[in-house]
PDB file of all heavy atoms in Angstrom:
ATOM      1  N   ALA A   1      93.575 136.161 195.233  1.00  0.00           N
ATOM      2  CA  ALA A   1      93.538 136.292 193.820  1.00  0.00           C
ATOM      3  C   ALA A   1      92.887 137.643 193.453  1.00  0.00           C
ATOM      4  O   ALA A   1      93.210 138.147 192.305  1.00  0.00           O
ATOM      5  CB  ALA A   1      92.694 135.130 193.196  1.00  0.00           C
ATOM      6  N   ALA A   2      92.113 138.183 194.259  1.00  0.00           N
ATOM      7  CA  ALA A   2      91.443 139.533 193.981  1.00  0.00           C
ATOM      8  C   ALA A   2      92.503 140.623 193.759  1.00  0.00           C
ATOM      9  O   ALA A   2      92.189 141.648 193.121  1.00  0.00           O
ATOM     10  CB  ALA A   2      90.532 139.908 195.179  1.00  0.00           C
ATOM     11  N   GLY A   3      93.717 140.356 194.249  1.00  0.00           N
ATOM     12  CA  GLY A   3      94.767 141.377 194.128  1.00  0.00           C
ATOM     13  C   GLY A   3      95.396 141.369 192.702  1.00  0.00           C
ATOM     14  O   GLY A   3      96.269 142.184 192.468  1.00  0.00           O
ATOM     15  N   TRP A   4      94.840 140.507 191.796  1.00  0.00           N
ATOM     16  CA  TRP A   4      95.223 140.529 190.430  1.00  0.00           C
ATOM     17  C   TRP A   4      94.264 141.293 189.534  1.00  0.00           C
ATOM     18  O   TRP A   4      94.408 141.367 188.353  1.00  0.00           O
ATOM     19  CB  TRP A   4      95.509 139.137 189.885  1.00  0.00           C
ATOM     20  CG  TRP A   4      96.866 138.596 190.089  1.00  0.00           C
ATOM     21  CD1 TRP A   4      97.856 138.490 189.090  1.00  0.00           C
ATOM     22  CD2 TRP A   4      97.456 138.128 191.315  1.00  0.00           C
ATOM     23  NE1 TRP A   4      98.993 137.991 189.629  1.00  0.00           N
ATOM     24  CE2 TRP A   4      98.850 137.730 191.011  1.00  0.00           C
ATOM     25  CE3 TRP A   4      97.078 137.950 192.604  1.00  0.00           C
ATOM     26  CZ2 TRP A   4      99.689 137.254 191.968  1.00  0.00           C
ATOM     27  CZ3 TRP A   4      97.844 137.536 193.471  1.00  0.00           C
ATOM     28  CH2 TRP A   4      99.174 137.172 193.288  1.00  0.00           C
ATOM     29  N   GLN A   5      93.148 141.742 190.094  1.00  0.00           N
ATOM     30  CA  GLN A   5      92.185 142.430 189.241  1.00  0.00           C
ATOM     31  C   GLN A   5      92.812 143.750 188.685  1.00  0.00           C
ATOM     32  O   GLN A   5      93.569 144.427 189.389  1.00  0.00           O
ATOM     33  CB  GLN A   5      90.953 142.778 190.122  1.00  0.00           C
ATOM     34  CG  GLN A   5      90.153 141.579 190.597  1.00  0.00           C
ATOM     35  CD  GLN A   5      88.995 141.990 191.517  1.00  0.00           C
ATOM     36  OE1 GLN A   5      87.888 142.016 191.105  1.00  0.00           O
ATOM     37  NE2 GLN A   5      89.331 142.324 192.708  1.00  0.00           N
ATOM     38  N   MET A   6      92.320 144.056 187.505  1.00  0.00           N
ATOM     39  CA  MET A   6      92.744 145.271 186.897  1.00  0.00           C
ATOM     40  C   MET A   6      91.701 146.342 186.859  1.00  0.00           C
ATOM     41  O   MET A   6      91.957 147.526 187.202  1.00  0.00           O
ATOM     42  CB  MET A   6      93.208 145.075 185.453  1.00  0.00           C
ATOM     43  CG  MET A   6      94.194 143.938 185.271  1.00  0.00           C
ATOM     44  SD  MET A   6      95.803 144.324 185.973  1.00  0.00           S
ATOM     45  CE  MET A   6      96.381 145.508 184.711  1.00  0.00           C
ATOM     46  N   SER A   7      90.487 146.021 186.525  1.00  0.00           N
ATOM     47  CA  SER A   7      89.437 146.964 186.343  1.00  0.00           C
ATOM     48  C   SER A   7      88.113 146.482 187.028  1.00  0.00           C
ATOM     49  O   SER A   7      87.983 145.288 187.456  1.00  0.00           O
ATOM     50  CB  SER A   7      89.166 147.157 184.828  1.00  0.00           C
ATOM     51  OG  SER A   7      90.310 147.483 184.184  1.00  0.00           O
ATOM     52  N   ASN A   8      87.169 147.352 187.155  1.00  0.00           N
ATOM     53  CA  ASN A   8      85.967 146.948 187.881  1.00  0.00           C
ATOM     54  C   ASN A   8      85.106 146.045 187.058  1.00  0.00           C
ATOM     55  O   ASN A   8      85.374 145.780 185.862  1.00  0.00           O
ATOM     56  CB  ASN A   8      85.109 148.321 188.228  1.00  0.00           C
ATOM     57  CG  ASN A   8      84.804 149.161 187.046  1.00  0.00           C
ATOM     58  OD1 ASN A   8      85.653 149.211 186.128  1.00  0.00           O
ATOM     59  ND2 ASN A   8      83.688 149.794 187.092  1.00  0.00           N
ATOM     60  N   ALA A   9      84.173 145.396 187.676  1.00  0.00           N
ATOM     61  CA  ALA A   9      83.507 144.239 187.165  1.00  0.00           C
ATOM     62  C   ALA A   9      82.622 144.614 185.979  1.00  0.00           C
ATOM     63  O   ALA A   9      81.834 145.582 186.028  1.00  0.00           O
ATOM     64  CB  ALA A   9      82.602 143.627 188.209  1.00  0.00           C
ATOM     65  N   PRO A  10      82.659 143.766 184.853  1.00  0.00           N
ATOM     66  CA  PRO A  10      81.728 143.891 183.776  1.00  0.00           C
ATOM     67  C   PRO A  10      80.425 143.214 184.270  1.00  0.00           C
ATOM     68  O   PRO A  10      80.261 142.043 184.031  1.00  0.00           O
ATOM     69  CB  PRO A  10      82.427 143.126 182.686  1.00  0.00           C
ATOM     70  CG  PRO A  10      83.297 142.107 183.282  1.00  0.00           C
ATOM     71  CD  PRO A  10      83.690 142.705 184.654  1.00  0.00           C
ATOM     72  N   VAL A  11      79.556 143.990 184.749  1.00  0.00           N
ATOM     73  CA  VAL A  11      78.398 143.434 185.505  1.00  0.00           C
ATOM     74  C   VAL A  11      77.453 142.651 184.681  1.00  0.00           C
ATOM     75  O   VAL A  11      76.961 141.588 185.164  1.00  0.00           O
ATOM     76  CB  VAL A  11      77.654 144.652 186.215  1.00  0.00           C
ATOM     77  CG1 VAL A  11      76.355 144.190 186.840  1.00  0.00           C
ATOM     78  CG2 VAL A  11      78.563 145.320 187.333  1.00  0.00           C
ATOM     79  N   PHE A  12      77.169 143.129 183.427  1.00  0.00           N
ATOM     80  CA  PHE A  12      76.106 142.359 182.709  1.00  0.00           C
ATOM     81  C   PHE A  12      76.639 140.884 182.325  1.00  0.00           C
ATOM     82  O   PHE A  12      75.852 140.000 182.474  1.00  0.00           O
ATOM     83  CB  PHE A  12      75.736 143.119 181.371  1.00  0.00           C
ATOM     84  CG  PHE A  12      75.202 144.472 181.647  1.00  0.00           C
ATOM     85  CD1 PHE A  12      75.820 145.615 181.121  1.00  0.00           C
ATOM     86  CD2 PHE A  12      74.134 144.577 182.554  1.00  0.00           C
ATOM     87  CE1 PHE A  12      75.345 146.874 181.382  1.00  0.00           C
ATOM     88  CE2 PHE A  12      73.647 145.900 182.829  1.00  0.00           C
ATOM     89  CZ  PHE A  12      74.263 146.986 182.231  1.00  0.00           C
ATOM     90  N   GLY A  13      77.930 140.813 182.020  1.00  0.00           N
ATOM     91  CA  GLY A  13      78.455 139.547 181.773  1.00  0.00           C
ATOM     92  C   GLY A  13      78.576 138.644 183.039  1.00  0.00           C
ATOM     93  O   GLY A  13      78.207 137.505 183.055  1.00  0.00           O
ATOM     94  N   MET A  14      78.957 139.254 184.101  1.00  0.00           N
ATOM     95  CA  MET A  14      78.983 138.614 185.350  1.00  0.00           C
ATOM     96  C   MET A  14      77.609 138.130 185.835  1.00  0.00           C
ATOM     97  O   MET A  14      77.501 137.040 186.552  1.00  0.00           O
ATOM     98  CB  MET A  14      79.682 139.440 186.444  1.00  0.00           C
ATOM     99  CG  MET A  14      81.172 139.455 186.270  1.00  0.00           C
ATOM    100  SD  MET A  14      81.931 140.294 187.695  1.00  0.00           S
ATOM    101  CE  MET A  14      83.698 140.035 187.385  1.00  0.00           C
ATOM    102  N   ALA A  15      76.616 138.883 185.514  1.00  0.00           N
ATOM    103  CA  ALA A  15      75.292 138.463 185.992  1.00  0.00           C
ATOM    104  C   ALA A  15      74.871 137.190 185.360  1.00  0.00           C
ATOM    105  O   ALA A  15      74.206 136.325 185.973  1.00  0.00           O
ATOM    106  CB  ALA A  15      74.228 139.624 185.611  1.00  0.00           C
ATOM    107  N   ILE A  16      75.170 137.005 183.949  1.00  0.00           N
ATOM    108  CA  ILE A  16      74.825 135.770 183.314  1.00  0.00           C
ATOM    109  C   ILE A  16      75.651 134.692 183.906  1.00  0.00           C
ATOM    110  O   ILE A  16      75.160 133.537 184.237  1.00  0.00           O
ATOM    111  CB  ILE A  16      75.123 135.861 181.882  1.00  0.00           C
ATOM    112  CG1 ILE A  16      74.244 136.959 181.225  1.00  0.00           C
ATOM    113  CG2 ILE A  16      74.854 134.544 181.178  1.00  0.00           C
ATOM    114  CD1 ILE A  16      74.572 137.204 179.749  1.00  0.00           C
ATOM    115  N   HIS A  17      76.904 134.917 184.142  1.00  0.00           N
ATOM    116  CA  HIS A  17      77.799 133.899 184.725  1.00  0.00           C
ATOM    117  C   HIS A  17      77.316 133.460 186.105  1.00  0.00           C
ATOM    118  O   HIS A  17      77.281 132.276 186.415  1.00  0.00           O
ATOM    119  CB  HIS A  17      79.176 134.469 184.889  1.00  0.00           C
ATOM    120  CG  HIS A  17      80.310 133.433 185.128  1.00  0.00           C
ATOM    121  ND1 HIS A  17      80.263 132.143 184.774  1.00  0.00           N
ATOM    122  CD2 HIS A  17      81.393 133.583 185.986  1.00  0.00           C
ATOM    123  CE1 HIS A  17      81.309 131.453 185.370  1.00  0.00           C
ATOM    124  NE2 HIS A  17      81.933 132.357 186.053  1.00  0.00           N
ATOM    125  N   LEU A  18      76.904 134.416 186.879  1.00  0.00           N
ATOM    126  CA  LEU A  18      76.379 134.121 188.228  1.00  0.00           C
ATOM    127  C   LEU A  18      75.102 133.203 188.108  1.00  0.00           C
ATOM    128  O   LEU A  18      74.941 132.164 188.805  1.00  0.00           O
ATOM    129  CB  LEU A  18      75.990 135.326 189.020  1.00  0.00           C
ATOM    130  CG  LEU A  18      75.373 135.142 190.395  1.00  0.00           C
ATOM    131  CD1 LEU A  18      76.242 134.182 191.265  1.00  0.00           C
ATOM    132  CD2 LEU A  18      75.048 136.479 191.077  1.00  0.00           C
ATOM    133  N   ALA A  19      74.228 133.453 187.128  1.00  0.00           N
ATOM    134  CA  ALA A  19      72.998 132.724 186.913  1.00  0.00           C
ATOM    135  C   ALA A  19      73.332 131.189 186.569  1.00  0.00           C
ATOM    136  O   ALA A  19      72.812 130.312 187.050  1.00  0.00           O
ATOM    137  CB  ALA A  19      72.181 133.264 185.828  1.00  0.00           C
ATOM    138  N   SER A  20      74.466 131.068 185.746  1.00  0.00           N
ATOM    139  CA  SER A  20      74.933 129.695 185.444  1.00  0.00           C
ATOM    140  C   SER A  20      75.535 129.028 186.619  1.00  0.00           C
ATOM    141  O   SER A  20      75.365 127.808 186.876  1.00  0.00           O
ATOM    142  CB  SER A  20      75.859 129.747 184.250  1.00  0.00           C
ATOM    143  OG  SER A  20      76.296 128.457 183.909  1.00  0.00           O
ATOM    144  N   LEU A  21      76.393 129.760 187.352  1.00  0.00           N
ATOM    145  CA  LEU A  21      77.011 129.119 188.505  1.00  0.00           C
ATOM    146  C   LEU A  21      76.067 128.714 189.553  1.00  0.00           C
ATOM    147  O   LEU A  21      76.286 127.659 190.207  1.00  0.00           O
ATOM    148  CB  LEU A  21      78.024 130.105 189.166  1.00  0.00           C
ATOM    149  CG  LEU A  21      79.302 130.481 188.338  1.00  0.00           C
ATOM    150  CD1 LEU A  21      80.059 131.546 189.077  1.00  0.00           C
ATOM    151  CD2 LEU A  21      80.194 129.215 188.098  1.00  0.00           C
ATOM    152  N   GLU A  22      74.886 129.288 189.629  1.00  0.00           N
ATOM    153  CA  GLU A  22      73.940 128.898 190.593  1.00  0.00           C
ATOM    154  C   GLU A  22      73.373 127.495 190.160  1.00  0.00           C
ATOM    155  O   GLU A  22      73.154 126.692 191.087  1.00  0.00           O
ATOM    156  CB  GLU A  22      72.798 129.962 190.661  1.00  0.00           C
ATOM    157  CG  GLU A  22      73.208 131.142 191.342  1.00  0.00           C
ATOM    158  CD  GLU A  22      72.121 132.290 191.160  1.00  0.00           C
ATOM    159  OE1 GLU A  22      71.296 132.149 190.266  1.00  0.00           O
ATOM    160  OE2 GLU A  22      72.249 133.336 191.944  1.00  0.00           O
ATOM    161  N   LEU A  23      73.254 127.275 188.947  1.00  0.00           N
ATOM    162  CA  LEU A  23      72.762 125.918 188.452  1.00  0.00           C
ATOM    163  C   LEU A  23      73.835 124.873 188.837  1.00  0.00           C
ATOM    164  O   LEU A  23      73.526 123.751 189.247  1.00  0.00           O
ATOM    165  CB  LEU A  23      72.530 125.963 186.981  1.00  0.00           C
ATOM    166  CG  LEU A  23      71.357 126.831 186.514  1.00  0.00           C
ATOM    167  CD1 LEU A  23      71.148 126.783 185.014  1.00  0.00           C
ATOM    168  CD2 LEU A  23      70.031 126.370 187.129  1.00  0.00           C
ATOM    169  N   PHE A  24      75.071 125.194 188.627  1.00  0.00           N
ATOM    170  CA  PHE A  24      76.112 124.276 188.872  1.00  0.00           C
ATOM    171  C   PHE A  24      76.177 123.957 190.418  1.00  0.00           C
ATOM    172  O   PHE A  24      76.453 122.768 190.837  1.00  0.00           O
ATOM    173  CB  PHE A  24      77.545 124.765 188.490  1.00  0.00           C
ATOM    174  CG  PHE A  24      77.840 124.364 186.949  1.00  0.00           C
ATOM    175  CD1 PHE A  24      77.255 125.204 186.072  1.00  0.00           C
ATOM    176  CD2 PHE A  24      78.487 123.351 186.589  1.00  0.00           C
ATOM    177  CE1 PHE A  24      77.442 125.058 184.629  1.00  0.00           C
ATOM    178  CE2 PHE A  24      78.652 123.013 185.251  1.00  0.00           C
ATOM    179  CZ  PHE A  24      78.190 123.897 184.271  1.00  0.00           C
ATOM    180  N   HIS A  25      75.926 124.989 191.187  1.00  0.00           N
ATOM    181  CA  HIS A  25      75.918 124.793 192.645  1.00  0.00           C
ATOM    182  C   HIS A  25      74.787 123.896 193.096  1.00  0.00           C
ATOM    183  O   HIS A  25      74.945 122.951 193.895  1.00  0.00           O
ATOM    184  CB  HIS A  25      75.807 126.159 193.366  1.00  0.00           C
ATOM    185  CG  HIS A  25      75.484 126.063 194.814  1.00  0.00           C
ATOM    186  ND1 HIS A  25      76.421 125.701 195.712  1.00  0.00           N
ATOM    187  CD2 HIS A  25      74.346 126.347 195.572  1.00  0.00           C
ATOM    188  CE1 HIS A  25      75.980 125.641 196.982  1.00  0.00           C
ATOM    189  NE2 HIS A  25      74.652 126.065 196.886  1.00  0.00           N
ATOM    190  N   GLN A  26      73.638 124.007 192.446  1.00  0.00           N
ATOM    191  CA  GLN A  26      72.551 123.138 192.738  1.00  0.00           C
ATOM    192  C   GLN A  26      72.736 121.689 192.269  1.00  0.00           C
ATOM    193  O   GLN A  26      72.429 120.760 192.979  1.00  0.00           O
ATOM    194  CB  GLN A  26      71.223 123.670 192.038  1.00  0.00           C
ATOM    195  CG  GLN A  26      70.753 125.066 192.600  1.00  0.00           C
ATOM    196  CD  GLN A  26      69.729 125.698 191.567  1.00  0.00           C
ATOM    197  OE1 GLN A  26      69.119 124.998 190.845  1.00  0.00           O
ATOM    198  NE2 GLN A  26      69.583 127.032 191.734  1.00  0.00           N
ATOM    199  N   ALA A  27      73.435 121.541 191.164  1.00  0.00           N
ATOM    200  CA  ALA A  27      73.713 120.190 190.622  1.00  0.00           C
ATOM    201  C   ALA A  27      74.753 119.529 191.398  1.00  0.00           C
ATOM    202  O   ALA A  27      74.683 118.301 191.724  1.00  0.00           O
ATOM    203  CB  ALA A  27      73.950 120.232 189.155  1.00  0.00           C
ATOM    204  N   GLY A  28      75.806 120.217 191.641  1.00  0.00           N
ATOM    205  CA  GLY A  28      76.967 119.676 192.301  1.00  0.00           C
ATOM    206  C   GLY A  28      77.996 119.098 191.349  1.00  0.00           C
ATOM    207  O   GLY A  28      77.581 118.152 190.554  1.00  0.00           O
ATOM    208  N   MET A  29      79.218 119.497 191.389  1.00  0.00           N
ATOM    209  CA  MET A  29      80.239 119.042 190.364  1.00  0.00           C
ATOM    210  C   MET A  29      80.487 117.546 190.486  1.00  0.00           C
ATOM    211  O   MET A  29      80.661 116.922 189.478  1.00  0.00           O
ATOM    212  CB  MET A  29      81.524 119.732 190.559  1.00  0.00           C
ATOM    213  CG  MET A  29      81.590 121.118 189.762  1.00  0.00           C
ATOM    214  SD  MET A  29      81.171 121.006 188.054  1.00  0.00           S
ATOM    215  CE  MET A  29      82.352 119.676 187.453  1.00  0.00           C
ATOM    216  N   SER A  30      80.482 116.995 191.696  1.00  0.00           N
ATOM    217  CA  SER A  30      80.696 115.552 191.832  1.00  0.00           C
ATOM    218  C   SER A  30      79.645 114.764 191.083  1.00  0.00           C
ATOM    219  O   SER A  30      79.855 113.711 190.407  1.00  0.00           O
ATOM    220  CB  SER A  30      80.925 115.086 193.224  1.00  0.00           C
ATOM    221  OG  SER A  30      79.741 115.416 193.993  1.00  0.00           O
ATOM    222  N   ASN A  31      78.385 115.253 191.256  1.00  0.00           N
ATOM    223  CA  ASN A  31      77.244 114.545 190.585  1.00  0.00           C
ATOM    224  C   ASN A  31      77.316 114.681 189.101  1.00  0.00           C
ATOM    225  O   ASN A  31      77.101 113.715 188.383  1.00  0.00           O
ATOM    226  CB  ASN A  31      75.921 115.198 191.075  1.00  0.00           C
ATOM    227  CG  ASN A  31      75.706 114.976 192.588  1.00  0.00           C
ATOM    228  OD1 ASN A  31      76.089 113.929 193.170  1.00  0.00           O
ATOM    229  ND2 ASN A  31      75.045 116.003 193.232  1.00  0.00           N
TER     230      ASN A  31
END
């Protein structure tokens, strides 16, 4: 899927998204 990227990463937005994804990882989607 990385082969569909157009431009380099919007880091500040991705930083927030990563912070949220870490919580989902800890909680677990099945839970």
